[in-house]
Amino acid sequence: MALAAGYAAIEPGADEVAATPGRVALEFGAPWCSHCQAAQPAIAQALQARPDAAHLKIEDGKGRPLGRAYRVKLWPTLVLLRDGEEVARVVRPRSPADLADALARWDAAAG
């Protein structure tokens, strides 16, 4: 999978995301967020091992409907979807170990 380098200029709609087949990793955050910046190595390591998944970096904030649709409260929040359904979520991961349980559920759902 190609990791999204930057935050999407235009966020997809919730219906569009829900209709996406397969595995999708929605990463909500902001480019200026220090927690988001610190989480990037762990997120990159986790997602590079899953070439069949799509990665969408969504800049979140006031007036951003996709983040509200997924009830995002803190950044970064990684929402792992399978065929449009949420399988797992991780808030403010700091290391690959913080992602392990969610990734195991995502991998199990993919089979």
PDB file of N, CA and C in Angstrom:
ATOM      1  N   MET A   1       0.846  -1.171   0.000  1.00  0.00           N
ATOM      2  CA  MET A   1       0.000   0.000   0.000  1.00  0.00           C
ATOM      3  C   MET A   1       0.885   1.226   0.000  1.00  0.00           C
ATOM      4  N   ALA A   2       0.450   2.203  -0.729  1.00  0.00           N
ATOM      5  CA  ALA A   2       1.136   3.485  -0.702  1.00  0.00           C
ATOM      6  C   ALA A   2       0.611   4.294   0.474  1.00  0.00           C
ATOM      7  N   LEU A   3       1.529   4.698   1.331  1.00  0.00           N
ATOM      8  CA  LEU A   3       1.124   5.534   2.454  1.00  0.00           C
ATOM      9  C   LEU A   3       0.839   6.934   1.948  1.00  0.00           C
ATOM     10  N   ALA A   4      -0.212   7.522   2.449  1.00  0.00           N
ATOM     11  CA  ALA A   4      -0.533   8.898   2.095  1.00  0.00           C
ATOM     12  C   ALA A   4       0.523   9.799   2.728  1.00  0.00           C
ATOM     13  N   ALA A   5       1.176  10.604   1.909  1.00  0.00           N
ATOM     14  CA  ALA A   5       2.248  11.466   2.405  1.00  0.00           C
ATOM     15  C   ALA A   5       1.698  12.664   3.170  1.00  0.00           C
ATOM     16  N   GLY A   6       0.615  13.214   2.671  1.00  0.00           N
ATOM     17  CA  GLY A   6       0.058  14.395   3.304  1.00  0.00           C
ATOM     18  C   GLY A   6      -1.436  14.244   3.496  1.00  0.00           C
ATOM     19  N   TYR A   7      -2.002  15.216   4.167  1.00  0.00           N
ATOM     20  CA  TYR A   7      -3.435  15.196   4.414  1.00  0.00           C
ATOM     21  C   TYR A   7      -4.178  15.558   3.133  1.00  0.00           C
ATOM     22  N   ALA A   8      -5.294  14.902   2.904  1.00  0.00           N
ATOM     23  CA  ALA A   8      -6.096  15.120   1.700  1.00  0.00           C
ATOM     24  C   ALA A   8      -6.609  16.558   1.659  1.00  0.00           C
ATOM     25  N   ALA A   9      -6.495  17.175   0.480  1.00  0.00           N
ATOM     26  CA  ALA A   9      -6.995  18.540   0.310  1.00  0.00           C
ATOM     27  C   ALA A   9      -8.517  18.571   0.408  1.00  0.00           C
ATOM     28  N   ILE A  10      -9.147  17.517  -0.100  1.00  0.00           N
ATOM     29  CA  ILE A  10     -10.606  17.401  -0.046  1.00  0.00           C
ATOM     30  C   ILE A  10     -10.927  16.047   0.582  1.00  0.00           C
ATOM     31  N   GLU A  11     -11.699  16.078   1.654  1.00  0.00           N
ATOM     32  CA  GLU A  11     -12.039  14.811   2.307  1.00  0.00           C
ATOM     33  C   GLU A  11     -13.184  14.131   1.582  1.00  0.00           C
ATOM     34  N   PRO A  12     -13.154  12.794   1.533  1.00  0.00           N
ATOM     35  CA  PRO A  12     -14.278  12.074   0.941  1.00  0.00           C
ATOM     36  C   PRO A  12     -15.490  12.149   1.860  1.00  0.00           C
ATOM     37  N   GLY A  13     -16.654  11.895   1.319  1.00  0.00           N
ATOM     38  CA  GLY A  13     -17.863  11.858   2.124  1.00  0.00           C
ATOM     39  C   GLY A  13     -17.962  10.546   2.877  1.00  0.00           C
ATOM     40  N   ALA A  14     -18.720  10.533   3.950  1.00  0.00           N
ATOM     41  CA  ALA A  14     -18.898   9.328   4.757  1.00  0.00           C
ATOM     42  C   ALA A  14     -19.499   8.196   3.930  1.00  0.00           C
ATOM     43  N   ASP A  15     -20.432   8.519   3.037  1.00  0.00           N
ATOM     44  CA  ASP A  15     -21.037   7.485   2.189  1.00  0.00           C
ATOM     45  C   ASP A  15     -20.010   6.885   1.235  1.00  0.00           C
ATOM     46  N   GLU A  16     -19.136   7.719   0.700  1.00  0.00           N
ATOM     47  CA  GLU A  16     -18.093   7.245  -0.207  1.00  0.00           C
ATOM     48  C   GLU A  16     -17.138   6.299   0.522  1.00  0.00           C
ATOM     49  N   VAL A  17     -16.741   6.670   1.727  1.00  0.00           N
ATOM     50  CA  VAL A  17     -15.848   5.820   2.519  1.00  0.00           C
ATOM     51  C   VAL A  17     -16.550   4.502   2.851  1.00  0.00           C
ATOM     52  N   ALA A  18     -17.791   4.560   3.257  1.00  0.00           N
ATOM     53  CA  ALA A  18     -18.542   3.354   3.618  1.00  0.00           C
ATOM     54  C   ALA A  18     -18.713   2.407   2.432  1.00  0.00           C
ATOM     55  N   ALA A  19     -18.701   2.947   1.233  1.00  0.00           N
ATOM     56  CA  ALA A  19     -18.888   2.125   0.034  1.00  0.00           C
ATOM     57  C   ALA A  19     -17.577   1.560  -0.509  1.00  0.00           C
ATOM     58  N   THR A  20     -16.462   1.912   0.101  1.00  0.00           N
ATOM     59  CA  THR A  20     -15.161   1.449  -0.385  1.00  0.00           C
ATOM     60  C   THR A  20     -14.944  -0.006   0.022  1.00  0.00           C
ATOM     61  N   PRO A  21     -14.713  -0.888  -0.965  1.00  0.00           N
ATOM     62  CA  PRO A  21     -14.484  -2.294  -0.631  1.00  0.00           C
ATOM     63  C   PRO A  21     -13.079  -2.514  -0.063  1.00  0.00           C
ATOM     64  N   GLY A  22     -12.941  -3.596   0.690  1.00  0.00           N
ATOM     65  CA  GLY A  22     -11.634  -3.964   1.215  1.00  0.00           C
ATOM     66  C   GLY A  22     -11.268  -3.199   2.466  1.00  0.00           C
ATOM     67  N   ARG A  23      -9.950  -3.157   2.711  1.00  0.00           N
ATOM     68  CA  ARG A  23      -9.452  -2.528   3.927  1.00  0.00           C
ATOM     69  C   ARG A  23      -9.054  -1.081   3.667  1.00  0.00           C
ATOM     70  N   VAL A  24      -9.488  -0.213   4.568  1.00  0.00           N
ATOM     71  CA  VAL A  24      -9.168   1.208   4.501  1.00  0.00           C
ATOM     72  C   VAL A  24      -8.732   1.657   5.887  1.00  0.00           C
ATOM     73  N   ALA A  25      -7.616   2.376   5.935  1.00  0.00           N
ATOM     74  CA  ALA A  25      -7.144   2.983   7.176  1.00  0.00           C
ATOM     75  C   ALA A  25      -7.398   4.478   7.064  1.00  0.00           C
ATOM     76  N   LEU A  26      -8.302   4.989   7.881  1.00  0.00           N
ATOM     77  CA  LEU A  26      -8.574   6.423   7.941  1.00  0.00           C
ATOM     78  C   LEU A  26      -7.746   7.003   9.074  1.00  0.00           C
ATOM     79  N   GLU A  27      -6.871   7.915   8.743  1.00  0.00           N
ATOM     80  CA  GLU A  27      -6.040   8.563   9.759  1.00  0.00           C
ATOM     81  C   GLU A  27      -6.493  10.011   9.886  1.00  0.00           C
ATOM     82  N   PHE A  28      -7.045  10.358  11.033  1.00  0.00           N
ATOM     83  CA  PHE A  28      -7.521  11.717  11.284  1.00  0.00           C
ATOM     84  C   PHE A  28      -6.485  12.468  12.113  1.00  0.00           C
ATOM     85  N   GLY A  29      -6.215  13.700  11.723  1.00  0.00           N
ATOM     86  CA  GLY A  29      -5.262  14.517  12.465  1.00  0.00           C
ATOM     87  C   GLY A  29      -5.113  15.871  11.814  1.00  0.00           C
ATOM     88  N   ALA A  30      -3.980  16.494  12.056  1.00  0.00           N
ATOM     89  CA  ALA A  30      -3.671  17.802  11.477  1.00  0.00           C
ATOM     90  C   ALA A  30      -2.157  17.897  11.301  1.00  0.00           C
ATOM     91  N   PRO A  31      -1.702  18.589  10.260  1.00  0.00           N
ATOM     92  CA  PRO A  31      -0.266  18.645  10.001  1.00  0.00           C
ATOM     93  C   PRO A  31       0.542  19.342  11.094  1.00  0.00           C
ATOM     94  N   TRP A  32      -0.088  20.220  11.849  1.00  0.00           N
ATOM     95  CA  TRP A  32       0.610  20.952  12.904  1.00  0.00           C
ATOM     96  C   TRP A  32       0.552  20.249  14.263  1.00  0.00           C
ATOM     97  N   CYS A  33      -0.176  19.151  14.361  1.00  0.00           N
ATOM     98  CA  CYS A  33      -0.389  18.429  15.621  1.00  0.00           C
ATOM     99  C   CYS A  33       0.865  17.622  15.997  1.00  0.00           C
ATOM    100  N   SER A  34       1.436  17.926  17.151  1.00  0.00           N
ATOM    101  CA  SER A  34       2.655  17.232  17.580  1.00  0.00           C
ATOM    102  C   SER A  34       2.400  15.746  17.856  1.00  0.00           C
ATOM    103  N   HIS A  35       1.218  15.388  18.347  1.00  0.00           N
ATOM    104  CA  HIS A  35       0.886  13.969  18.564  1.00  0.00           C
ATOM    105  C   HIS A  35       0.830  13.240  17.223  1.00  0.00           C
ATOM    106  N   CYS A  36       0.274  13.898  16.214  1.00  0.00           N
ATOM    107  CA  CYS A  36       0.176  13.302  14.875  1.00  0.00           C
ATOM    108  C   CYS A  36       1.567  13.084  14.280  1.00  0.00           C
ATOM    109  N   GLN A  37       2.415  14.069  14.416  1.00  0.00           N
ATOM    110  CA  GLN A  37       3.783  13.970  13.900  1.00  0.00           C
ATOM    111  C   GLN A  37       4.536  12.837  14.599  1.00  0.00           C
ATOM    112  N   ALA A  38       4.392  12.732  15.914  1.00  0.00           N
ATOM    113  CA  ALA A  38       5.096  11.701  16.676  1.00  0.00           C
ATOM    114  C   ALA A  38       4.610  10.294  16.331  1.00  0.00           C
ATOM    115  N   ALA A  39       3.359  10.155  15.923  1.00  0.00           N
ATOM    116  CA  ALA A  39       2.784   8.841  15.618  1.00  0.00           C
ATOM    117  C   ALA A  39       3.145   8.327  14.229  1.00  0.00           C
ATOM    118  N   GLN A  40       3.666   9.179  13.368  1.00  0.00           N
ATOM    119  CA  GLN A  40       3.895   8.780  11.981  1.00  0.00           C
ATOM    120  C   GLN A  40       4.782   7.551  11.806  1.00  0.00           C
ATOM    121  N   PRO A  41       5.903   7.411  12.509  1.00  0.00           N
ATOM    122  CA  PRO A  41       6.707   6.198  12.311  1.00  0.00           C
ATOM    123  C   PRO A  41       5.957   4.911  12.659  1.00  0.00           C
ATOM    124  N   ALA A  42       5.204   4.905  13.748  1.00  0.00           N
ATOM    125  CA  ALA A  42       4.457   3.709  14.145  1.00  0.00           C
ATOM    126  C   ALA A  42       3.357   3.388  13.133  1.00  0.00           C
ATOM    127  N   ILE A  43       2.659   4.416  12.683  1.00  0.00           N
ATOM    128  CA  ILE A  43       1.588   4.203  11.694  1.00  0.00           C
ATOM    129  C   ILE A  43       2.175   3.702  10.389  1.00  0.00           C
ATOM    130  N   ALA A  44       3.258   4.309   9.947  1.00  0.00           N
ATOM    131  CA  ALA A  44       3.895   3.889   8.690  1.00  0.00           C
ATOM    132  C   ALA A  44       4.344   2.440   8.763  1.00  0.00           C
ATOM    133  N   GLN A  45       4.975   2.064   9.864  1.00  0.00           N
ATOM    134  CA  GLN A  45       5.438   0.683  10.021  1.00  0.00           C
ATOM    135  C   GLN A  45       4.262  -0.292   9.973  1.00  0.00           C
ATOM    136  N   ALA A  46       3.193   0.042  10.636  1.00  0.00           N
ATOM    137  CA  ALA A  46       2.029  -0.845  10.683  1.00  0.00           C
ATOM    138  C   ALA A  46       1.372  -0.993   9.321  1.00  0.00           C
ATOM    139  N   LEU A  47       1.236   0.091   8.602  1.00  0.00           N
ATOM    140  CA  LEU A  47       0.504   0.048   7.342  1.00  0.00           C
ATOM    141  C   LEU A  47       1.343  -0.464   6.171  1.00  0.00           C
ATOM    142  N   GLN A  48       2.651  -0.292   6.225  1.00  0.00           N
ATOM    143  CA  GLN A  48       3.497  -0.796   5.145  1.00  0.00           C
ATOM    144  C   GLN A  48       3.450  -2.314   5.051  1.00  0.00           C
ATOM    145  N   ALA A  49       3.123  -2.976   6.128  1.00  0.00           N
ATOM    146  CA  ALA A  49       3.040  -4.437   6.149  1.00  0.00           C
ATOM    147  C   ALA A  49       1.715  -4.944   5.590  1.00  0.00           C
ATOM    148  N   ARG A  50       0.850  -4.047   5.140  1.00  0.00           N
ATOM    149  CA  ARG A  50      -0.476  -4.430   4.637  1.00  0.00           C
ATOM    150  C   ARG A  50      -0.706  -3.813   3.255  1.00  0.00           C
ATOM    151  N   PRO A  51      -0.104  -4.414   2.224  1.00  0.00           N
ATOM    152  CA  PRO A  51      -0.159  -3.811   0.887  1.00  0.00           C
ATOM    153  C   PRO A  51      -1.549  -3.783   0.251  1.00  0.00           C
ATOM    154  N   ASP A  52      -2.490  -4.546   0.786  1.00  0.00           N
ATOM    155  CA  ASP A  52      -3.837  -4.571   0.216  1.00  0.00           C
ATOM    156  C   ASP A  52      -4.750  -3.483   0.779  1.00  0.00           C
ATOM    157  N   ALA A  53      -4.236  -2.661   1.672  1.00  0.00           N
ATOM    158  CA  ALA A  53      -5.067  -1.646   2.332  1.00  0.00           C
ATOM    159  C   ALA A  53      -4.841  -0.264   1.726  1.00  0.00           C
ATOM    160  N   ALA A  54      -5.894   0.535   1.746  1.00  0.00           N
ATOM    161  CA  ALA A  54      -5.798   1.930   1.332  1.00  0.00           C
ATOM    162  C   ALA A  54      -5.609   2.790   2.576  1.00  0.00           C
ATOM    163  N   HIS A  55      -4.836   3.862   2.449  1.00  0.00           N
ATOM    164  CA  HIS A  55      -4.567   4.762   3.573  1.00  0.00           C
ATOM    165  C   HIS A  55      -5.027   6.157   3.183  1.00  0.00           C
ATOM    166  N   LEU A  56      -5.925   6.717   3.970  1.00  0.00           N
ATOM    167  CA  LEU A  56      -6.409   8.077   3.744  1.00  0.00           C
ATOM    168  C   LEU A  56      -6.078   8.920   4.961  1.00  0.00           C
ATOM    169  N   LYS A  57      -5.304   9.974   4.753  1.00  0.00           N
ATOM    170  CA  LYS A  57      -5.009  10.928   5.824  1.00  0.00           C
ATOM    171  C   LYS A  57      -5.991  12.070   5.685  1.00  0.00           C
ATOM    172  N   ILE A  58      -6.800  12.256   6.711  1.00  0.00           N
ATOM    173  CA  ILE A  58      -7.856  13.256   6.678  1.00  0.00           C
ATOM    174  C   ILE A  58      -7.541  14.353   7.693  1.00  0.00           C
ATOM    175  N   GLU A  59      -7.402  15.584   7.201  1.00  0.00           N
ATOM    176  CA  GLU A  59      -7.200  16.700   8.123  1.00  0.00           C
ATOM    177  C   GLU A  59      -8.529  16.970   8.814  1.00  0.00           C
ATOM    178  N   ASP A  60      -8.506  16.883  10.127  1.00  0.00           N
ATOM    179  CA  ASP A  60      -9.720  17.015  10.910  1.00  0.00           C
ATOM    180  C   ASP A  60      -9.756  18.380  11.584  1.00  0.00           C
ATOM    181  N   GLY A  61     -10.922  18.768  12.012  1.00  0.00           N
ATOM    182  CA  GLY A  61     -11.083  20.023  12.725  1.00  0.00           C
ATOM    183  C   GLY A  61     -12.521  20.496  12.644  1.00  0.00           C
ATOM    184  N   LYS A  62     -12.737  21.695  13.135  1.00  0.00           N
ATOM    185  CA  LYS A  62     -14.076  22.274  13.162  1.00  0.00           C
ATOM    186  C   LYS A  62     -14.650  22.332  11.749  1.00  0.00           C
ATOM    187  N   GLY A  63     -15.901  21.895  11.625  1.00  0.00           N
ATOM    188  CA  GLY A  63     -16.578  21.929  10.341  1.00  0.00           C
ATOM    189  C   GLY A  63     -16.190  20.815   9.387  1.00  0.00           C
ATOM    190  N   ARG A  64     -15.456  19.821   9.858  1.00  0.00           N
ATOM    191  CA  ARG A  64     -15.050  18.697   9.013  1.00  0.00           C
ATOM    192  C   ARG A  64     -15.991  17.528   9.274  1.00  0.00           C
ATOM    193  N   PRO A  65     -16.894  17.232   8.346  1.00  0.00           N
ATOM    194  CA  PRO A  65     -17.943  16.243   8.619  1.00  0.00           C
ATOM    195  C   PRO A  65     -17.469  14.799   8.749  1.00  0.00           C
ATOM    196  N   LEU A  66     -16.407  14.406   8.054  1.00  0.00           N
ATOM    197  CA  LEU A  66     -16.004  13.002   8.129  1.00  0.00           C
ATOM    198  C   LEU A  66     -15.517  12.651   9.538  1.00  0.00           C
ATOM    199  N   GLY A  67     -14.755  13.532  10.144  1.00  0.00           N
ATOM    200  CA  GLY A  67     -14.314  13.299  11.520  1.00  0.00           C
ATOM    201  C   GLY A  67     -15.475  13.208  12.485  1.00  0.00           C
ATOM    202  N   ARG A  68     -16.502  14.019  12.258  1.00  0.00           N
ATOM    203  CA  ARG A  68     -17.681  13.950  13.123  1.00  0.00           C
ATOM    204  C   ARG A  68     -18.432  12.649  12.884  1.00  0.00           C
ATOM    205  N   ALA A  69     -18.501  12.208  11.635  1.00  0.00           N
ATOM    206  CA  ALA A  69     -19.199  10.955  11.320  1.00  0.00           C
ATOM    207  C   ALA A  69     -18.555   9.770  12.046  1.00  0.00           C
ATOM    208  N   TYR A  70     -17.228   9.831  12.250  1.00  0.00           N
ATOM    209  CA  TYR A  70     -16.507   8.759  12.941  1.00  0.00           C
ATOM    210  C   TYR A  70     -16.234   9.086  14.405  1.00  0.00           C
ATOM    211  N   ARG A  71     -16.869  10.132  14.928  1.00  0.00           N
ATOM    212  CA  ARG A  71     -16.778  10.503  16.339  1.00  0.00           C
ATOM    213  C   ARG A  71     -15.337  10.683  16.814  1.00  0.00           C
ATOM    214  N   VAL A  72     -14.529  11.328  15.992  1.00  0.00           N
ATOM    215  CA  VAL A  72     -13.131  11.581  16.339  1.00  0.00           C
ATOM    216  C   VAL A  72     -13.078  12.696  17.376  1.00  0.00           C
ATOM    217  N   LYS A  73     -12.374  12.447  18.470  1.00  0.00           N
ATOM    218  CA  LYS A  73     -12.250  13.420  19.559  1.00  0.00           C
ATOM    219  C   LYS A  73     -10.806  13.887  19.738  1.00  0.00           C
ATOM    220  N   LEU A  74      -9.844  12.991  19.538  1.00  0.00           N
ATOM    221  CA  LEU A  74      -8.428  13.304  19.721  1.00  0.00           C
ATOM    222  C   LEU A  74      -7.653  12.913  18.471  1.00  0.00           C
ATOM    223  N   TRP A  75      -6.522  13.557  18.290  1.00  0.00           N
ATOM    224  CA  TRP A  75      -5.656  13.246  17.139  1.00  0.00           C
ATOM    225  C   TRP A  75      -4.337  12.665  17.610  1.00  0.00           C
ATOM    226  N   PRO A  76      -3.725  11.844  16.812  1.00  0.00           N
ATOM    227  CA  PRO A  76      -4.327  11.202  15.665  1.00  0.00           C
ATOM    228  C   PRO A  76      -5.259  10.072  16.103  1.00  0.00           C
ATOM    229  N   THR A  77      -6.254   9.836  15.304  1.00  0.00           N
ATOM    230  CA  THR A  77      -7.125   8.680  15.470  1.00  0.00           C
ATOM    231  C   THR A  77      -7.046   7.880  14.176  1.00  0.00           C
ATOM    232  N   LEU A  78      -6.740   6.608  14.300  1.00  0.00           N
ATOM    233  CA  LEU A  78      -6.661   5.702  13.166  1.00  0.00           C
ATOM    234  C   LEU A  78      -7.876   4.780  13.235  1.00  0.00           C
ATOM    235  N   VAL A  79      -8.755   4.879  12.229  1.00  0.00           N
ATOM    236  CA  VAL A  79      -9.952   4.048  12.151  1.00  0.00           C
ATOM    237  C   VAL A  79      -9.713   3.017  11.058  1.00  0.00           C
ATOM    238  N   LEU A  80      -9.803   1.745  11.405  1.00  0.00           N
ATOM    239  CA  LEU A  80      -9.553   0.659  10.470  1.00  0.00           C
ATOM    240  C   LEU A  80     -10.877   0.067  10.024  1.00  0.00           C
ATOM    241  N   LEU A  81     -11.109   0.120   8.714  1.00  0.00           N
ATOM    242  CA  LEU A  81     -12.374  -0.330   8.128  1.00  0.00           C
ATOM    243  C   LEU A  81     -12.164  -1.562   7.264  1.00  0.00           C
ATOM    244  N   ARG A  82     -13.184  -2.383   7.203  1.00  0.00           N
ATOM    245  CA  ARG A  82     -13.234  -3.522   6.275  1.00  0.00           C
ATOM    246  C   ARG A  82     -14.586  -3.450   5.591  1.00  0.00           C
ATOM    247  N   ASP A  83     -14.583  -3.241   4.271  1.00  0.00           N
ATOM    248  CA  ASP A  83     -15.810  -3.116   3.484  1.00  0.00           C
ATOM    249  C   ASP A  83     -16.757  -2.086   4.092  1.00  0.00           C
ATOM    250  N   GLY A  84     -16.185  -0.959   4.525  1.00  0.00           N
ATOM    251  CA  GLY A  84     -16.972   0.155   5.028  1.00  0.00           C
ATOM    252  C   GLY A  84     -17.373   0.076   6.484  1.00  0.00           C
ATOM    253  N   GLU A  85     -17.086  -1.034   7.150  1.00  0.00           N
ATOM    254  CA  GLU A  85     -17.446  -1.210   8.556  1.00  0.00           C
ATOM    255  C   GLU A  85     -16.213  -1.036   9.440  1.00  0.00           C
ATOM    256  N   GLU A  86     -16.358  -0.301  10.535  1.00  0.00           N
ATOM    257  CA  GLU A  86     -15.247  -0.130  11.463  1.00  0.00           C
ATOM    258  C   GLU A  86     -14.950  -1.448  12.169  1.00  0.00           C
ATOM    259  N   VAL A  87     -13.682  -1.839  12.112  1.00  0.00           N
ATOM    260  CA  VAL A  87     -13.222  -3.067  12.754  1.00  0.00           C
ATOM    261  C   VAL A  87     -12.452  -2.740  14.021  1.00  0.00           C
ATOM    262  N   ALA A  88     -11.691  -1.653  13.980  1.00  0.00           N
ATOM    263  CA  ALA A  88     -10.870  -1.275  15.128  1.00  0.00           C
ATOM    264  C   ALA A  88     -10.507   0.196  15.019  1.00  0.00           C
ATOM    265  N   ARG A  89     -10.057   0.742  16.152  1.00  0.00           N
ATOM    266  CA  ARG A  89      -9.600   2.127  16.172  1.00  0.00           C
ATOM    267  C   ARG A  89      -8.517   2.265  17.217  1.00  0.00           C
ATOM    268  N   VAL A  90      -7.588   3.174  16.942  1.00  0.00           N
ATOM    269  CA  VAL A  90      -6.498   3.465  17.865  1.00  0.00           C
ATOM    270  C   VAL A  90      -6.389   4.980  17.965  1.00  0.00           C
ATOM    271  N   VAL A  91      -6.354   5.471  19.192  1.00  0.00           N
ATOM    272  CA  VAL A  91      -6.222   6.904  19.434  1.00  0.00           C
ATOM    273  C   VAL A  91      -4.837   7.180  20.010  1.00  0.00           C
ATOM    274  N   ARG A  92      -4.138   8.105  19.396  1.00  0.00           N
ATOM    275  CA  ARG A  92      -2.798   8.547  19.816  1.00  0.00           C
ATOM    276  C   ARG A  92      -1.801   7.404  20.011  1.00  0.00           C
ATOM    277  N   PRO A  93      -1.578   6.608  18.963  1.00  0.00           N
ATOM    278  CA  PRO A  93      -0.553   5.565  19.085  1.00  0.00           C
ATOM    279  C   PRO A  93       0.826   6.206  19.197  1.00  0.00           C
ATOM    280  N   ARG A  94       1.669   5.601  20.018  1.00  0.00           N
ATOM    281  CA  ARG A  94       3.029   6.121  20.197  1.00  0.00           C
ATOM    282  C   ARG A  94       4.074   5.136  19.682  1.00  0.00           C
ATOM    283  N   SER A  95       3.676   3.877  19.580  1.00  0.00           N
ATOM    284  CA  SER A  95       4.618   2.843  19.149  1.00  0.00           C
ATOM    285  C   SER A  95       3.852   1.771  18.375  1.00  0.00           C
ATOM    286  N   PRO A  96       4.575   0.922  17.649  1.00  0.00           N
ATOM    287  CA  PRO A  96       3.892  -0.185  16.975  1.00  0.00           C
ATOM    288  C   PRO A  96       3.102  -1.068  17.940  1.00  0.00           C
ATOM    289  N   ALA A  97       3.573  -1.205  19.173  1.00  0.00           N
ATOM    290  CA  ALA A  97       2.853  -2.018  20.159  1.00  0.00           C
ATOM    291  C   ALA A  97       1.472  -1.449  20.459  1.00  0.00           C
ATOM    292  N   ASP A  98       1.331  -0.122  20.391  1.00  0.00           N
ATOM    293  CA  ASP A  98       0.028   0.506  20.638  1.00  0.00           C
ATOM    294  C   ASP A  98      -0.990   0.131  19.559  1.00  0.00           C
ATOM    295  N   LEU A  99      -0.501  -0.282  18.399  1.00  0.00           N
ATOM    296  CA  LEU A  99      -1.368  -0.620  17.274  1.00  0.00           C
ATOM    297  C   LEU A  99      -1.634  -2.120  17.152  1.00  0.00           C
ATOM    298  N   ALA A 100      -0.895  -2.944  17.873  1.00  0.00           N
ATOM    299  CA  ALA A 100      -0.901  -4.397  17.667  1.00  0.00           C
ATOM    300  C   ALA A 100      -2.281  -5.028  17.763  1.00  0.00           C
ATOM    301  N   ASP A 101      -3.047  -4.739  18.810  1.00  0.00           N
ATOM    302  CA  ASP A 101      -4.360  -5.366  18.992  1.00  0.00           C
ATOM    303  C   ASP A 101      -5.317  -4.967  17.876  1.00  0.00           C
ATOM    304  N   ALA A 102      -5.345  -3.682  17.535  1.00  0.00           N
ATOM    305  CA  ALA A 102      -6.243  -3.214  16.475  1.00  0.00           C
ATOM    306  C   ALA A 102      -5.866  -3.833  15.137  1.00  0.00           C
ATOM    307  N   LEU A 103      -4.578  -3.933  14.857  1.00  0.00           N
ATOM    308  CA  LEU A 103      -4.138  -4.532  13.595  1.00  0.00           C
ATOM    309  C   LEU A 103      -4.472  -6.016  13.533  1.00  0.00           C
ATOM    310  N   ALA A 104      -4.383  -6.702  14.650  1.00  0.00           N
ATOM    311  CA  ALA A 104      -4.744  -8.123  14.685  1.00  0.00           C
ATOM    312  C   ALA A 104      -6.232  -8.302  14.362  1.00  0.00           C
ATOM    313  N   ARG A 105      -7.089  -7.432  14.905  1.00  0.00           N
ATOM    314  CA  ARG A 105      -8.532  -7.499  14.592  1.00  0.00           C
ATOM    315  C   ARG A 105      -8.779  -7.173  13.127  1.00  0.00           C
ATOM    316  N   TRP A 106      -8.056  -6.196  12.605  1.00  0.00           N
ATOM    317  CA  TRP A 106      -8.203  -5.808  11.193  1.00  0.00           C
ATOM    318  C   TRP A 106      -7.784  -6.958  10.292  1.00  0.00           C
ATOM    319  N   ASP A 107      -6.654  -7.587  10.620  1.00  0.00           N
ATOM    320  CA  ASP A 107      -6.170  -8.709   9.820  1.00  0.00           C
ATOM    321  C   ASP A 107      -7.148  -9.889   9.877  1.00  0.00           C
ATOM    322  N   ALA A 108      -7.711 -10.156  11.049  1.00  0.00           N
ATOM    323  CA  ALA A 108      -8.670 -11.262  11.190  1.00  0.00           C
ATOM    324  C   ALA A 108      -9.939 -10.987  10.384  1.00  0.00           C
ATOM    325  N   ALA A 109     -10.367  -9.742  10.352  1.00  0.00           N
ATOM    326  CA  ALA A 109     -11.577  -9.365   9.607  1.00  0.00           C
ATOM    327  C   ALA A 109     -11.354  -9.448   8.111  1.00  0.00           C
ATOM    328  N   ALA A 110     -10.120  -9.361   7.688  1.00  0.00           N
ATOM    329  CA  ALA A 110      -9.806  -9.363   6.255  1.00  0.00           C
ATOM    330  C   ALA A 110      -9.833 -10.754   5.664  1.00  0.00           C
ATOM    331  N   GLY A 111      -9.877 -11.764   6.501  1.00  0.00           N
ATOM    332  CA  GLY A 111      -9.782 -13.130   5.992  1.00  0.00           C
ATOM    333  C   GLY A 111     -11.057 -13.789   5.713  1.00  0.00           C
TER     334      GLY A 111
END
